[in-house]
Amino acid sequence: MEANIQAMAVRVRWDRVGRFALLLVGVLLVCLYVNPLRTTIATMQEAKTKRGEVAELQREQASLVRRRGALTRSGSVEIEARRLGMVRRDERAYVVKGLPDAR
């Protein structure tokens, strides 16, 4: 009877070992998928940010192209220079102080 009790105590429950091994494999697979998934999400967010930057730069480029077109018309460079306060060589610049605001 004592031998029978020892035989029962040593016996391995292979069905439980198999379930445990399957559980470990499942956890390992989940762990292997976490980092690539996180990287994919980060890449998608970065791509969205970059698309916004590209759209902003395209708008700025279109504005600069329009500005270049405006500056290539005759007389526009002179108008822009006068707006900046520049005068020709043969002209005299005067500064008038104390005028009321032109609002």
N, C-alpha and C. Protein backbone atom coordinates (compact mmCIF):
# COMPACT_ATOMS: atom_id res chain seq x y z
N MET A 1 0.82 -1.18 0.00
CA MET A 1 0.00 0.00 0.00
C MET A 1 0.87 1.26 0.00
N GLU A 2 1.95 1.22 0.76
CA GLU A 2 2.86 2.34 0.81
C GLU A 2 3.49 2.59 -0.57
N ALA A 3 3.78 1.56 -1.31
CA ALA A 3 4.35 1.69 -2.65
C ALA A 3 3.33 2.31 -3.59
N ASN A 4 2.07 1.98 -3.39
CA ASN A 4 1.00 2.51 -4.21
C ASN A 4 0.86 4.02 -3.99
N ILE A 5 0.99 4.48 -2.76
CA ILE A 5 0.90 5.91 -2.44
C ILE A 5 2.08 6.65 -3.05
N GLN A 6 3.28 6.08 -2.98
CA GLN A 6 4.45 6.72 -3.57
C GLN A 6 4.33 6.80 -5.09
N ALA A 7 3.77 5.80 -5.71
CA ALA A 7 3.59 5.79 -7.16
C ALA A 7 2.61 6.88 -7.58
N MET A 8 1.60 7.12 -6.79
CA MET A 8 0.63 8.17 -7.11
C MET A 8 1.24 9.56 -6.93
N ALA A 9 2.12 9.70 -5.92
CA ALA A 9 2.73 10.99 -5.65
C ALA A 9 3.74 11.38 -6.74
N VAL A 10 4.40 10.43 -7.34
CA VAL A 10 5.43 10.69 -8.35
C VAL A 10 4.80 10.90 -9.74
N ARG A 11 3.63 10.45 -9.93
CA ARG A 11 3.00 10.50 -11.24
C ARG A 11 2.81 11.95 -11.70
N VAL A 12 3.17 12.23 -12.94
CA VAL A 12 3.11 13.57 -13.51
C VAL A 12 1.79 13.71 -14.27
N ARG A 13 1.17 14.88 -14.10
CA ARG A 13 -0.09 15.15 -14.81
C ARG A 13 0.27 15.85 -16.12
N TRP A 14 0.46 15.06 -17.17
CA TRP A 14 0.92 15.58 -18.45
C TRP A 14 -0.10 16.52 -19.10
N ASP A 15 -1.37 16.35 -18.82
CA ASP A 15 -2.36 17.25 -19.38
C ASP A 15 -2.19 18.67 -18.83
N ARG A 16 -1.84 18.76 -17.54
CA ARG A 16 -1.60 20.08 -16.95
C ARG A 16 -0.29 20.68 -17.46
N VAL A 17 0.73 19.87 -17.64
CA VAL A 17 2.00 20.35 -18.17
C VAL A 17 1.80 20.87 -19.59
N GLY A 18 1.03 20.14 -20.37
CA GLY A 18 0.74 20.56 -21.74
C GLY A 18 0.00 21.89 -21.79
N ARG A 19 -1.00 22.05 -20.92
CA ARG A 19 -1.75 23.31 -20.86
C ARG A 19 -0.83 24.47 -20.46
N PHE A 20 0.02 24.20 -19.48
CA PHE A 20 0.95 25.24 -19.02
C PHE A 20 1.92 25.62 -20.14
N ALA A 21 2.43 24.63 -20.85
CA ALA A 21 3.35 24.90 -21.96
C ALA A 21 2.64 25.70 -23.05
N LEU A 22 1.40 25.35 -23.35
CA LEU A 22 0.63 26.08 -24.36
C LEU A 22 0.39 27.52 -23.92
N LEU A 23 0.11 27.71 -22.64
CA LEU A 23 -0.07 29.06 -22.11
C LEU A 23 1.22 29.88 -22.24
N LEU A 24 2.36 29.27 -21.94
CA LEU A 24 3.64 29.97 -22.08
C LEU A 24 3.91 30.35 -23.54
N VAL A 25 3.62 29.45 -24.45
CA VAL A 25 3.82 29.76 -25.87
C VAL A 25 2.91 30.91 -26.30
N GLY A 26 1.67 30.91 -25.83
CA GLY A 26 0.74 32.00 -26.15
C GLY A 26 1.23 33.33 -25.61
N VAL A 27 1.71 33.35 -24.38
CA VAL A 27 2.24 34.59 -23.78
C VAL A 27 3.47 35.05 -24.55
N LEU A 28 4.33 34.12 -24.93
CA LEU A 28 5.52 34.47 -25.71
C LEU A 28 5.13 35.09 -27.04
N LEU A 29 4.15 34.53 -27.71
CA LEU A 29 3.71 35.10 -29.00
C LEU A 29 3.15 36.51 -28.82
N VAL A 30 2.37 36.72 -27.77
CA VAL A 30 1.83 38.06 -27.51
C VAL A 30 2.97 39.04 -27.27
N CYS A 31 3.96 38.62 -26.49
CA CYS A 31 5.11 39.49 -26.21
C CYS A 31 5.88 39.82 -27.49
N LEU A 32 5.97 38.87 -28.40
CA LEU A 32 6.68 39.12 -29.65
C LEU A 32 5.93 40.10 -30.56
N TYR A 33 4.62 40.19 -30.43
CA TYR A 33 3.84 41.09 -31.27
C TYR A 33 3.70 42.49 -30.68
N VAL A 34 4.00 42.69 -29.41
CA VAL A 34 3.79 43.98 -28.77
C VAL A 34 4.72 45.05 -29.35
N ASN A 35 6.01 44.79 -29.44
CA ASN A 35 6.95 45.80 -29.90
C ASN A 35 6.71 46.20 -31.36
N PRO A 36 6.52 45.26 -32.29
CA PRO A 36 6.22 45.69 -33.67
C PRO A 36 4.92 46.48 -33.77
N LEU A 37 3.93 46.13 -32.97
CA LEU A 37 2.67 46.88 -32.98
C LEU A 37 2.88 48.30 -32.48
N ARG A 38 3.66 48.44 -31.43
CA ARG A 38 3.96 49.77 -30.88
C ARG A 38 4.74 50.60 -31.90
N THR A 39 5.68 49.96 -32.58
CA THR A 39 6.47 50.66 -33.60
C THR A 39 5.59 51.10 -34.76
N THR A 40 4.66 50.25 -35.16
CA THR A 40 3.75 50.58 -36.26
C THR A 40 2.88 51.77 -35.89
N ILE A 41 2.37 51.80 -34.68
CA ILE A 41 1.52 52.91 -34.25
C ILE A 41 2.33 54.20 -34.20
N ALA A 42 3.55 54.14 -33.68
CA ALA A 42 4.40 55.33 -33.63
C ALA A 42 4.72 55.84 -35.04
N THR A 43 4.96 54.92 -35.97
CA THR A 43 5.25 55.30 -37.35
C THR A 43 4.04 55.96 -38.00
N MET A 44 2.86 55.45 -37.73
CA MET A 44 1.64 56.04 -38.28
C MET A 44 1.44 57.46 -37.74
N GLN A 45 1.68 57.66 -36.45
CA GLN A 45 1.54 58.99 -35.87
C GLN A 45 2.56 59.96 -36.46
N GLU A 46 3.79 59.49 -36.64
CA GLU A 46 4.82 60.34 -37.23
C GLU A 46 4.49 60.69 -38.68
N ALA A 47 3.94 59.72 -39.41
CA ALA A 47 3.55 59.98 -40.80
C ALA A 47 2.45 61.03 -40.87
N LYS A 48 1.51 60.97 -39.93
CA LYS A 48 0.43 61.96 -39.89
C LYS A 48 1.00 63.35 -39.63
N THR A 49 1.95 63.44 -38.71
CA THR A 49 2.59 64.72 -38.41
C THR A 49 3.33 65.25 -39.64
N LYS A 50 4.05 64.36 -40.31
CA LYS A 50 4.82 64.77 -41.49
C LYS A 50 3.89 65.22 -42.62
N ARG A 51 2.74 64.56 -42.78
CA ARG A 51 1.79 64.98 -43.81
C ARG A 51 1.29 66.39 -43.52
N GLY A 52 1.07 66.72 -42.25
CA GLY A 52 0.66 68.07 -41.87
C GLY A 52 1.74 69.08 -42.20
N GLU A 53 2.99 68.73 -41.91
CA GLU A 53 4.11 69.63 -42.22
C GLU A 53 4.23 69.84 -43.72
N VAL A 54 4.06 68.78 -44.50
CA VAL A 54 4.15 68.89 -45.96
C VAL A 54 3.04 69.80 -46.48
N ALA A 55 1.83 69.64 -45.96
CA ALA A 55 0.72 70.50 -46.40
C ALA A 55 1.01 71.96 -46.08
N GLU A 56 1.55 72.22 -44.90
CA GLU A 56 1.89 73.60 -44.53
C GLU A 56 2.97 74.16 -45.43
N LEU A 57 3.99 73.36 -45.74
CA LEU A 57 5.05 73.82 -46.62
C LEU A 57 4.55 74.04 -48.04
N GLN A 58 3.59 73.23 -48.49
CA GLN A 58 3.03 73.44 -49.82
C GLN A 58 2.26 74.75 -49.89
N ARG A 59 1.52 75.06 -48.81
CA ARG A 59 0.81 76.35 -48.78
C ARG A 59 1.80 77.52 -48.80
N GLU A 60 2.86 77.39 -48.03
CA GLU A 60 3.88 78.44 -47.99
C GLU A 60 4.55 78.59 -49.36
N GLN A 61 4.82 77.47 -50.02
CA GLN A 61 5.44 77.52 -51.34
C GLN A 61 4.51 78.19 -52.35
N ALA A 62 3.23 77.89 -52.29
CA ALA A 62 2.27 78.51 -53.21
C ALA A 62 2.22 80.02 -52.95
N SER A 63 2.27 80.42 -51.69
CA SER A 63 2.27 81.84 -51.36
C SER A 63 3.52 82.52 -51.91
N LEU A 64 4.66 81.86 -51.78
CA LEU A 64 5.90 82.44 -52.29
C LEU A 64 5.90 82.53 -53.82
N VAL A 65 5.31 81.56 -54.47
CA VAL A 65 5.21 81.62 -55.94
C VAL A 65 4.33 82.80 -56.36
N ARG A 66 3.22 83.01 -55.64
CA ARG A 66 2.37 84.16 -55.95
C ARG A 66 3.12 85.47 -55.70
N ARG A 67 3.87 85.51 -54.62
CA ARG A 67 4.66 86.72 -54.28
C ARG A 67 5.71 86.98 -55.36
N ARG A 68 6.37 85.91 -55.83
CA ARG A 68 7.36 86.08 -56.89
C ARG A 68 6.70 86.62 -58.15
N GLY A 69 5.53 86.10 -58.47
CA GLY A 69 4.80 86.60 -59.63
C GLY A 69 4.45 88.07 -59.49
N ALA A 70 4.08 88.47 -58.27
CA ALA A 70 3.74 89.87 -58.05
C ALA A 70 4.97 90.76 -58.17
N LEU A 71 6.13 90.26 -57.74
CA LEU A 71 7.35 91.06 -57.78
C LEU A 71 7.96 91.13 -59.18
N THR A 72 7.62 90.22 -60.06
CA THR A 72 8.18 90.25 -61.41
C THR A 72 7.44 91.22 -62.32
N ARG A 73 6.28 91.72 -61.91
CA ARG A 73 5.57 92.73 -62.72
C ARG A 73 6.33 94.04 -62.67
N SER A 74 6.20 94.82 -63.73
CA SER A 74 6.98 96.08 -63.79
C SER A 74 6.47 97.06 -62.74
N GLY A 75 7.39 97.69 -62.07
CA GLY A 75 7.04 98.68 -61.07
C GLY A 75 6.81 98.13 -59.68
N SER A 76 6.64 96.86 -59.56
CA SER A 76 6.34 96.30 -58.24
C SER A 76 7.55 96.32 -57.31
N VAL A 77 8.74 96.20 -57.88
CA VAL A 77 9.95 96.24 -57.04
C VAL A 77 10.10 97.65 -56.45
N GLU A 78 9.83 98.65 -57.25
CA GLU A 78 9.92 100.02 -56.76
C GLU A 78 8.88 100.29 -55.67
N ILE A 79 7.69 99.81 -55.86
CA ILE A 79 6.63 99.98 -54.85
C ILE A 79 7.03 99.30 -53.54
N GLU A 80 7.57 98.11 -53.66
CA GLU A 80 8.00 97.38 -52.46
C GLU A 80 9.16 98.10 -51.78
N ALA A 81 10.10 98.63 -52.55
CA ALA A 81 11.23 99.35 -51.97
C ALA A 81 10.75 100.62 -51.26
N ARG A 82 9.81 101.33 -51.83
CA ARG A 82 9.28 102.54 -51.18
C ARG A 82 8.52 102.17 -49.91
N ARG A 83 7.85 101.05 -49.91
CA ARG A 83 7.16 100.59 -48.71
C ARG A 83 8.16 100.33 -47.58
N LEU A 84 9.37 99.91 -47.96
CA LEU A 84 10.41 99.67 -46.96
C LEU A 84 11.17 100.94 -46.58
N GLY A 85 10.82 102.07 -47.21
CA GLY A 85 11.45 103.34 -46.85
C GLY A 85 12.65 103.70 -47.70
N MET A 86 12.85 103.04 -48.80
CA MET A 86 14.00 103.34 -49.66
C MET A 86 13.66 104.45 -50.65
N VAL A 87 14.70 105.19 -51.06
CA VAL A 87 14.53 106.26 -52.04
C VAL A 87 15.58 106.09 -53.13
N ARG A 88 15.35 106.75 -54.26
CA ARG A 88 16.33 106.70 -55.34
C ARG A 88 17.51 107.59 -55.00
N ARG A 89 18.59 107.45 -55.79
CA ARG A 89 19.80 108.25 -55.53
C ARG A 89 19.56 109.75 -55.73
N ASP A 90 18.77 110.08 -56.71
CA ASP A 90 18.56 111.49 -57.00
C ASP A 90 17.43 112.10 -56.19
N GLU A 91 16.85 111.37 -55.27
CA GLU A 91 15.76 111.88 -54.45
C GLU A 91 16.27 112.19 -53.04
N ARG A 92 15.49 112.98 -52.34
CA ARG A 92 15.82 113.33 -50.97
C ARG A 92 14.72 112.80 -50.06
N ALA A 93 15.12 112.14 -48.98
CA ALA A 93 14.14 111.59 -48.05
C ALA A 93 13.88 112.60 -46.95
N TYR A 94 12.61 112.78 -46.60
CA TYR A 94 12.21 113.67 -45.51
C TYR A 94 11.46 112.84 -44.49
N VAL A 95 11.67 113.18 -43.22
CA VAL A 95 10.94 112.52 -42.14
C VAL A 95 10.09 113.57 -41.48
N VAL A 96 8.80 113.35 -41.47
CA VAL A 96 7.86 114.28 -40.87
C VAL A 96 7.40 113.67 -39.55
N LYS A 97 7.60 114.41 -38.45
CA LYS A 97 7.23 113.90 -37.14
C LYS A 97 6.03 114.66 -36.60
N GLY A 98 5.33 114.05 -35.67
CA GLY A 98 4.25 114.71 -34.98
C GLY A 98 2.91 114.69 -35.70
N LEU A 99 2.77 113.88 -36.72
CA LEU A 99 1.49 113.79 -37.42
C LEU A 99 0.53 112.90 -36.61
N PRO A 100 -0.75 113.21 -36.67
CA PRO A 100 -1.71 112.34 -35.98
C PRO A 100 -1.80 110.98 -36.69
N ASP A 101 -2.25 109.98 -35.95
CA ASP A 101 -2.39 108.64 -36.54
C ASP A 101 -3.36 108.69 -37.72
N ALA A 102 -3.03 107.99 -38.76
CA ALA A 102 -3.87 107.95 -39.97
C ALA A 102 -4.86 106.82 -39.88
N ARG A 103 -5.67 106.85 -38.86
CA ARG A 103 -6.66 105.76 -38.67
C ARG A 103 -8.00 106.16 -39.08
